[in-house]
Amino acid sequence: LGTHAIKSAIKQKQGHSLQLTDTSEITLTANINDIDHFFEMNNGRIFTLFDLGRNDLAIRSGLAKKLFKHRWGLVVAGSTIQYRKRVRLFDKVTIKTRLIAVDERWFYIEQSMWVKGQPTCAA
């Protein structure tokens, strides 16, 4: 997780920052460690990779600084996911993350995973 956070910080420094209302996109390749015995991406791993997308949005939008300043966390309190298509070994995956609502207590974030322009899952 640390490498992706560093990449996000570098992107922000290079002028690739985001507004909190923008959609973050990160791209990675499905690795052997991501695959289960059915030869598709493990559903638990999908949630871990979605962490990377949320971190990218937080870092590049400046939200992470405010979270640290107030000693708040970017913790998942609840999640619902819909799986549409399998992610296979070595698939190039794009994770899209966007903030869809905020109330007095929570940030509501929508995330999706895409392979070859097709949605594979959304949470």
N, C-alpha and C. Protein backbone atom coordinates (compact mmCIF):
# COMPACT_ATOMS: atom_id res chain seq x y z
N LEU A 1 0.82 -1.20 0.00
CA LEU A 1 0.00 0.00 0.00
C LEU A 1 0.85 1.25 0.00
N GLY A 2 2.03 1.19 0.57
CA GLY A 2 2.89 2.36 0.68
C GLY A 2 3.35 2.90 -0.66
N THR A 3 3.68 2.03 -1.61
CA THR A 3 4.16 2.45 -2.92
C THR A 3 3.11 3.29 -3.64
N HIS A 4 1.86 2.86 -3.59
CA HIS A 4 0.80 3.60 -4.27
C HIS A 4 0.56 4.95 -3.60
N ALA A 5 0.69 5.04 -2.30
CA ALA A 5 0.54 6.32 -1.60
C ALA A 5 1.64 7.28 -2.04
N ILE A 6 2.85 6.78 -2.19
CA ILE A 6 3.97 7.62 -2.65
C ILE A 6 3.71 8.10 -4.07
N LYS A 7 3.22 7.20 -4.94
CA LYS A 7 2.90 7.60 -6.31
C LYS A 7 1.83 8.68 -6.34
N SER A 8 0.83 8.57 -5.48
CA SER A 8 -0.23 9.58 -5.40
C SER A 8 0.33 10.92 -4.95
N ALA A 9 1.21 10.90 -3.96
CA ALA A 9 1.82 12.14 -3.47
C ALA A 9 2.67 12.78 -4.56
N ILE A 10 3.39 11.98 -5.33
CA ILE A 10 4.20 12.50 -6.43
C ILE A 10 3.30 13.12 -7.49
N LYS A 11 2.20 12.45 -7.84
CA LYS A 11 1.26 13.00 -8.82
C LYS A 11 0.76 14.35 -8.37
N GLN A 12 0.43 14.47 -7.08
CA GLN A 12 -0.08 15.73 -6.56
C GLN A 12 0.98 16.82 -6.69
N LYS A 13 2.21 16.50 -6.34
CA LYS A 13 3.30 17.48 -6.41
C LYS A 13 3.57 17.90 -7.86
N GLN A 14 3.33 17.00 -8.82
CA GLN A 14 3.57 17.29 -10.23
C GLN A 14 2.40 18.03 -10.88
N GLY A 15 1.44 18.44 -10.07
CA GLY A 15 0.32 19.19 -10.61
C GLY A 15 -0.86 18.35 -11.02
N HIS A 16 -0.86 17.07 -10.68
CA HIS A 16 -1.97 16.18 -11.00
C HIS A 16 -2.90 16.03 -9.79
N SER A 17 -3.13 17.17 -9.12
CA SER A 17 -4.01 17.11 -7.96
C SER A 17 -5.45 17.04 -8.43
N LEU A 18 -6.33 16.69 -7.51
CA LEU A 18 -7.75 16.55 -7.80
C LEU A 18 -8.55 17.45 -6.89
N GLN A 19 -9.71 17.85 -7.36
CA GLN A 19 -10.71 18.44 -6.48
C GLN A 19 -11.40 17.28 -5.78
N LEU A 20 -11.95 17.51 -4.63
CA LEU A 20 -12.63 16.45 -3.89
C LEU A 20 -13.80 15.87 -4.68
N THR A 21 -14.34 16.65 -5.61
CA THR A 21 -15.47 16.21 -6.43
C THR A 21 -15.04 15.51 -7.72
N ASP A 22 -13.74 15.43 -7.99
CA ASP A 22 -13.23 14.75 -9.18
C ASP A 22 -13.22 13.24 -8.97
N THR A 23 -13.06 12.51 -10.05
CA THR A 23 -12.91 11.05 -10.00
C THR A 23 -11.44 10.69 -10.08
N SER A 24 -10.98 9.96 -9.11
CA SER A 24 -9.61 9.44 -9.11
C SER A 24 -9.58 8.16 -9.95
N GLU A 25 -8.53 8.01 -10.73
CA GLU A 25 -8.32 6.77 -11.48
C GLU A 25 -6.91 6.28 -11.25
N ILE A 26 -6.79 5.03 -10.85
CA ILE A 26 -5.49 4.39 -10.76
C ILE A 26 -5.54 3.11 -11.59
N THR A 27 -4.40 2.74 -12.13
CA THR A 27 -4.33 1.54 -12.97
C THR A 27 -3.29 0.60 -12.39
N LEU A 28 -3.61 -0.67 -12.38
CA LEU A 28 -2.68 -1.70 -11.91
C LEU A 28 -2.94 -2.98 -12.70
N THR A 29 -2.10 -3.95 -12.48
CA THR A 29 -2.24 -5.24 -13.15
C THR A 29 -2.56 -6.31 -12.12
N ALA A 30 -3.56 -7.14 -12.43
CA ALA A 30 -3.91 -8.24 -11.53
C ALA A 30 -2.73 -9.19 -11.43
N ASN A 31 -2.27 -9.38 -10.21
CA ASN A 31 -1.06 -10.14 -9.92
C ASN A 31 -1.41 -11.53 -9.42
N ILE A 32 -0.45 -12.40 -9.37
CA ILE A 32 -0.66 -13.77 -8.89
C ILE A 32 -1.18 -13.75 -7.44
N ASN A 33 -0.74 -12.78 -6.65
CA ASN A 33 -1.19 -12.68 -5.25
C ASN A 33 -2.64 -12.23 -5.13
N ASP A 34 -3.21 -11.72 -6.21
CA ASP A 34 -4.59 -11.24 -6.20
C ASP A 34 -5.59 -12.34 -6.58
N ILE A 35 -5.10 -13.45 -7.08
CA ILE A 35 -5.94 -14.47 -7.70
C ILE A 35 -6.24 -15.60 -6.72
N ASP A 36 -7.48 -16.09 -6.74
CA ASP A 36 -7.88 -17.19 -5.86
C ASP A 36 -7.83 -18.52 -6.61
N HIS A 37 -8.27 -19.58 -5.98
CA HIS A 37 -8.20 -20.91 -6.59
C HIS A 37 -9.21 -21.10 -7.73
N PHE A 38 -10.07 -20.12 -7.98
CA PHE A 38 -10.95 -20.14 -9.15
C PHE A 38 -10.35 -19.37 -10.31
N PHE A 39 -9.08 -18.93 -10.16
CA PHE A 39 -8.33 -18.22 -11.18
C PHE A 39 -8.95 -16.87 -11.54
N GLU A 40 -9.51 -16.23 -10.52
CA GLU A 40 -10.03 -14.87 -10.68
C GLU A 40 -9.62 -14.07 -9.46
N MET A 41 -9.78 -12.74 -9.54
CA MET A 41 -9.38 -11.92 -8.41
C MET A 41 -10.25 -12.24 -7.20
N ASN A 42 -9.59 -12.44 -6.07
CA ASN A 42 -10.25 -12.74 -4.81
C ASN A 42 -11.09 -11.54 -4.37
N ASN A 43 -12.32 -11.79 -3.92
CA ASN A 43 -13.20 -10.69 -3.54
C ASN A 43 -12.63 -9.86 -2.38
N GLY A 44 -11.91 -10.47 -1.47
CA GLY A 44 -11.27 -9.71 -0.40
C GLY A 44 -10.18 -8.81 -0.93
N ARG A 45 -9.48 -9.28 -1.94
CA ARG A 45 -8.41 -8.48 -2.54
C ARG A 45 -9.00 -7.26 -3.25
N ILE A 46 -10.18 -7.41 -3.82
CA ILE A 46 -10.83 -6.28 -4.48
C ILE A 46 -11.03 -5.15 -3.47
N PHE A 47 -11.49 -5.47 -2.27
CA PHE A 47 -11.68 -4.43 -1.26
C PHE A 47 -10.34 -3.81 -0.85
N THR A 48 -9.29 -4.60 -0.79
CA THR A 48 -7.97 -4.06 -0.47
C THR A 48 -7.50 -3.11 -1.55
N LEU A 49 -7.73 -3.46 -2.80
CA LEU A 49 -7.32 -2.58 -3.90
C LEU A 49 -8.18 -1.32 -3.94
N PHE A 50 -9.43 -1.42 -3.54
CA PHE A 50 -10.26 -0.21 -3.43
C PHE A 50 -9.69 0.74 -2.38
N ASP A 51 -9.02 0.22 -1.36
CA ASP A 51 -8.33 1.08 -0.39
C ASP A 51 -7.34 2.00 -1.11
N LEU A 52 -6.63 1.45 -2.09
CA LEU A 52 -5.66 2.24 -2.84
C LEU A 52 -6.34 3.39 -3.57
N GLY A 53 -7.51 3.12 -4.13
CA GLY A 53 -8.25 4.17 -4.82
C GLY A 53 -8.70 5.28 -3.87
N ARG A 54 -9.18 4.91 -2.70
CA ARG A 54 -9.59 5.91 -1.71
C ARG A 54 -8.39 6.72 -1.23
N ASN A 55 -7.26 6.04 -1.03
CA ASN A 55 -6.06 6.76 -0.62
C ASN A 55 -5.61 7.74 -1.69
N ASP A 56 -5.67 7.33 -2.96
CA ASP A 56 -5.28 8.21 -4.05
C ASP A 56 -6.15 9.47 -4.06
N LEU A 57 -7.47 9.30 -3.96
CA LEU A 57 -8.37 10.45 -3.93
C LEU A 57 -8.06 11.35 -2.73
N ALA A 58 -7.87 10.76 -1.57
CA ALA A 58 -7.59 11.54 -0.36
C ALA A 58 -6.28 12.32 -0.48
N ILE A 59 -5.24 11.68 -0.95
CA ILE A 59 -3.93 12.33 -1.04
C ILE A 59 -3.95 13.43 -2.10
N ARG A 60 -4.43 13.11 -3.30
CA ARG A 60 -4.38 14.06 -4.40
C ARG A 60 -5.35 15.23 -4.24
N SER A 61 -6.40 15.06 -3.44
CA SER A 61 -7.36 16.16 -3.22
C SER A 61 -7.00 17.01 -2.00
N GLY A 62 -6.03 16.57 -1.21
CA GLY A 62 -5.66 17.29 0.00
C GLY A 62 -6.45 16.86 1.23
N LEU A 63 -7.41 15.95 1.04
CA LEU A 63 -8.21 15.48 2.17
C LEU A 63 -7.34 14.77 3.21
N ALA A 64 -6.33 14.04 2.78
CA ALA A 64 -5.49 13.29 3.71
C ALA A 64 -4.84 14.21 4.75
N LYS A 65 -4.41 15.40 4.33
CA LYS A 65 -3.80 16.35 5.28
C LYS A 65 -4.79 16.76 6.36
N LYS A 66 -6.03 17.00 5.96
CA LYS A 66 -7.05 17.38 6.93
C LYS A 66 -7.38 16.22 7.87
N LEU A 67 -7.42 15.01 7.31
CA LEU A 67 -7.68 13.83 8.14
C LEU A 67 -6.60 13.67 9.21
N PHE A 68 -5.34 13.80 8.80
CA PHE A 68 -4.24 13.68 9.75
C PHE A 68 -4.28 14.81 10.79
N LYS A 69 -4.57 16.02 10.33
CA LYS A 69 -4.61 17.18 11.22
C LYS A 69 -5.63 16.99 12.34
N HIS A 70 -6.78 16.44 12.01
CA HIS A 70 -7.86 16.26 12.99
C HIS A 70 -7.85 14.87 13.65
N ARG A 71 -6.85 14.06 13.27
CA ARG A 71 -6.72 12.70 13.79
C ARG A 71 -7.94 11.84 13.46
N TRP A 72 -8.45 12.05 12.24
CA TRP A 72 -9.57 11.27 11.73
C TRP A 72 -9.02 10.16 10.84
N GLY A 73 -9.86 9.18 10.56
CA GLY A 73 -9.46 8.10 9.67
C GLY A 73 -10.35 8.03 8.45
N LEU A 74 -9.88 7.34 7.45
CA LEU A 74 -10.67 7.08 6.25
C LEU A 74 -11.02 5.59 6.29
N VAL A 75 -11.88 5.27 7.25
CA VAL A 75 -12.22 3.88 7.56
C VAL A 75 -13.55 3.53 6.90
N VAL A 76 -13.65 2.32 6.40
CA VAL A 76 -14.91 1.85 5.80
C VAL A 76 -15.84 1.41 6.93
N ALA A 77 -16.99 2.07 7.02
CA ALA A 77 -17.96 1.72 8.06
C ALA A 77 -18.98 0.71 7.55
N GLY A 78 -19.17 0.68 6.25
CA GLY A 78 -20.11 -0.25 5.64
C GLY A 78 -19.87 -0.27 4.15
N SER A 79 -20.20 -1.37 3.52
CA SER A 79 -19.95 -1.47 2.09
C SER A 79 -20.92 -2.45 1.45
N THR A 80 -21.31 -2.12 0.24
CA THR A 80 -22.11 -3.01 -0.59
C THR A 80 -21.41 -3.10 -1.93
N ILE A 81 -21.32 -4.29 -2.47
CA ILE A 81 -20.62 -4.47 -3.74
C ILE A 81 -21.46 -5.31 -4.69
N GLN A 82 -21.31 -5.00 -5.97
CA GLN A 82 -21.96 -5.79 -7.01
C GLN A 82 -20.86 -6.25 -7.96
N TYR A 83 -20.78 -7.57 -8.13
CA TYR A 83 -19.80 -8.15 -9.06
C TYR A 83 -20.47 -8.38 -10.41
N ARG A 84 -19.78 -8.01 -11.49
CA ARG A 84 -20.34 -8.14 -12.83
C ARG A 84 -19.51 -9.05 -13.74
N LYS A 85 -18.20 -8.99 -13.59
CA LYS A 85 -17.32 -9.70 -14.51
C LYS A 85 -16.07 -10.11 -13.75
N ARG A 86 -15.53 -11.25 -14.09
CA ARG A 86 -14.31 -11.74 -13.43
C ARG A 86 -13.10 -10.92 -13.86
N VAL A 87 -12.19 -10.75 -12.90
CA VAL A 87 -10.88 -10.17 -13.18
C VAL A 87 -9.90 -11.32 -13.16
N ARG A 88 -9.19 -11.49 -14.25
CA ARG A 88 -8.27 -12.61 -14.41
C ARG A 88 -6.81 -12.17 -14.23
N LEU A 89 -5.95 -13.15 -14.05
CA LEU A 89 -4.52 -12.91 -13.90
C LEU A 89 -3.99 -12.07 -15.07
N PHE A 90 -3.23 -11.05 -14.74
CA PHE A 90 -2.58 -10.12 -15.66
C PHE A 90 -3.53 -9.16 -16.37
N ASP A 91 -4.81 -9.14 -16.00
CA ASP A 91 -5.70 -8.11 -16.53
C ASP A 91 -5.22 -6.75 -16.06
N LYS A 92 -5.26 -5.77 -16.95
CA LYS A 92 -4.97 -4.39 -16.57
C LYS A 92 -6.27 -3.81 -16.02
N VAL A 93 -6.21 -3.36 -14.78
CA VAL A 93 -7.39 -2.93 -14.03
C VAL A 93 -7.32 -1.42 -13.77
N THR A 94 -8.43 -0.74 -13.99
CA THR A 94 -8.55 0.68 -13.62
C THR A 94 -9.57 0.78 -12.50
N ILE A 95 -9.17 1.44 -11.42
CA ILE A 95 -10.06 1.66 -10.28
C ILE A 95 -10.46 3.14 -10.30
N LYS A 96 -11.76 3.38 -10.33
CA LYS A 96 -12.30 4.73 -10.30
C LYS A 96 -12.94 4.97 -8.94
N THR A 97 -12.62 6.11 -8.36
CA THR A 97 -13.11 6.45 -7.03
C THR A 97 -13.65 7.87 -7.05
N ARG A 98 -14.87 8.04 -6.51
CA ARG A 98 -15.41 9.39 -6.44
C ARG A 98 -16.27 9.56 -5.20
N LEU A 99 -16.23 10.76 -4.68
CA LEU A 99 -17.05 11.13 -3.55
C LEU A 99 -18.44 11.47 -4.08
N ILE A 100 -19.46 10.83 -3.50
CA ILE A 100 -20.82 11.09 -4.01
C ILE A 100 -21.68 11.86 -3.02
N ALA A 101 -21.31 11.89 -1.73
CA ALA A 101 -22.09 12.65 -0.74
C ALA A 101 -21.27 12.80 0.54
N VAL A 102 -21.65 13.78 1.33
CA VAL A 102 -21.06 14.02 2.64
C VAL A 102 -22.18 14.44 3.57
N ASP A 103 -22.16 13.94 4.79
CA ASP A 103 -23.08 14.46 5.79
C ASP A 103 -22.26 14.85 7.02
N GLU A 104 -22.90 15.11 8.14
CA GLU A 104 -22.17 15.59 9.31
C GLU A 104 -21.22 14.56 9.90
N ARG A 105 -21.33 13.31 9.47
CA ARG A 105 -20.48 12.26 10.05
C ARG A 105 -19.69 11.45 9.03
N TRP A 106 -20.18 11.31 7.81
CA TRP A 106 -19.61 10.35 6.86
C TRP A 106 -19.31 10.97 5.49
N PHE A 107 -18.34 10.35 4.84
CA PHE A 107 -18.10 10.55 3.41
C PHE A 107 -18.69 9.32 2.72
N TYR A 108 -19.40 9.51 1.66
CA TYR A 108 -19.97 8.40 0.88
C TYR A 108 -19.21 8.34 -0.42
N ILE A 109 -18.56 7.22 -0.65
CA ILE A 109 -17.65 7.07 -1.79
C ILE A 109 -18.11 5.92 -2.66
N GLU A 110 -18.12 6.17 -3.96
CA GLU A 110 -18.45 5.14 -4.93
C GLU A 110 -17.16 4.72 -5.63
N GLN A 111 -16.98 3.41 -5.76
CA GLN A 111 -15.78 2.90 -6.42
C GLN A 111 -16.18 1.84 -7.43
N SER A 112 -15.43 1.80 -8.52
CA SER A 112 -15.66 0.77 -9.53
C SER A 112 -14.33 0.29 -10.09
N MET A 113 -14.36 -0.93 -10.59
CA MET A 113 -13.18 -1.55 -11.18
C MET A 113 -13.52 -1.88 -12.63
N TRP A 114 -12.59 -1.55 -13.52
CA TRP A 114 -12.82 -1.70 -14.96
C TRP A 114 -11.68 -2.48 -15.61
N VAL A 115 -12.02 -3.35 -16.56
CA VAL A 115 -11.03 -4.07 -17.38
C VAL A 115 -11.47 -3.93 -18.83
N LYS A 116 -10.56 -3.44 -19.68
CA LYS A 116 -10.83 -3.25 -21.10
C LYS A 116 -12.11 -2.44 -21.34
N GLY A 117 -12.30 -1.40 -20.54
CA GLY A 117 -13.45 -0.53 -20.69
C GLY A 117 -14.76 -1.08 -20.21
N GLN A 118 -14.73 -2.25 -19.58
CA GLN A 118 -15.94 -2.89 -19.07
C GLN A 118 -15.92 -2.91 -17.54
N PRO A 119 -17.06 -2.57 -16.91
CA PRO A 119 -17.10 -2.62 -15.45
C PRO A 119 -17.06 -4.06 -14.95
N THR A 120 -16.24 -4.31 -13.92
CA THR A 120 -16.16 -5.65 -13.34
C THR A 120 -16.88 -5.72 -11.99
N CYS A 121 -16.87 -4.61 -11.25
CA CYS A 121 -17.57 -4.54 -9.98
C CYS A 121 -17.70 -3.09 -9.55
N ALA A 122 -18.63 -2.85 -8.65
CA ALA A 122 -18.84 -1.50 -8.11
C ALA A 122 -19.23 -1.62 -6.64
N ALA A 123 -18.68 -0.71 -5.83
CA ALA A 123 -18.98 -0.69 -4.40
C ALA A 123 -19.30 0.72 -3.97
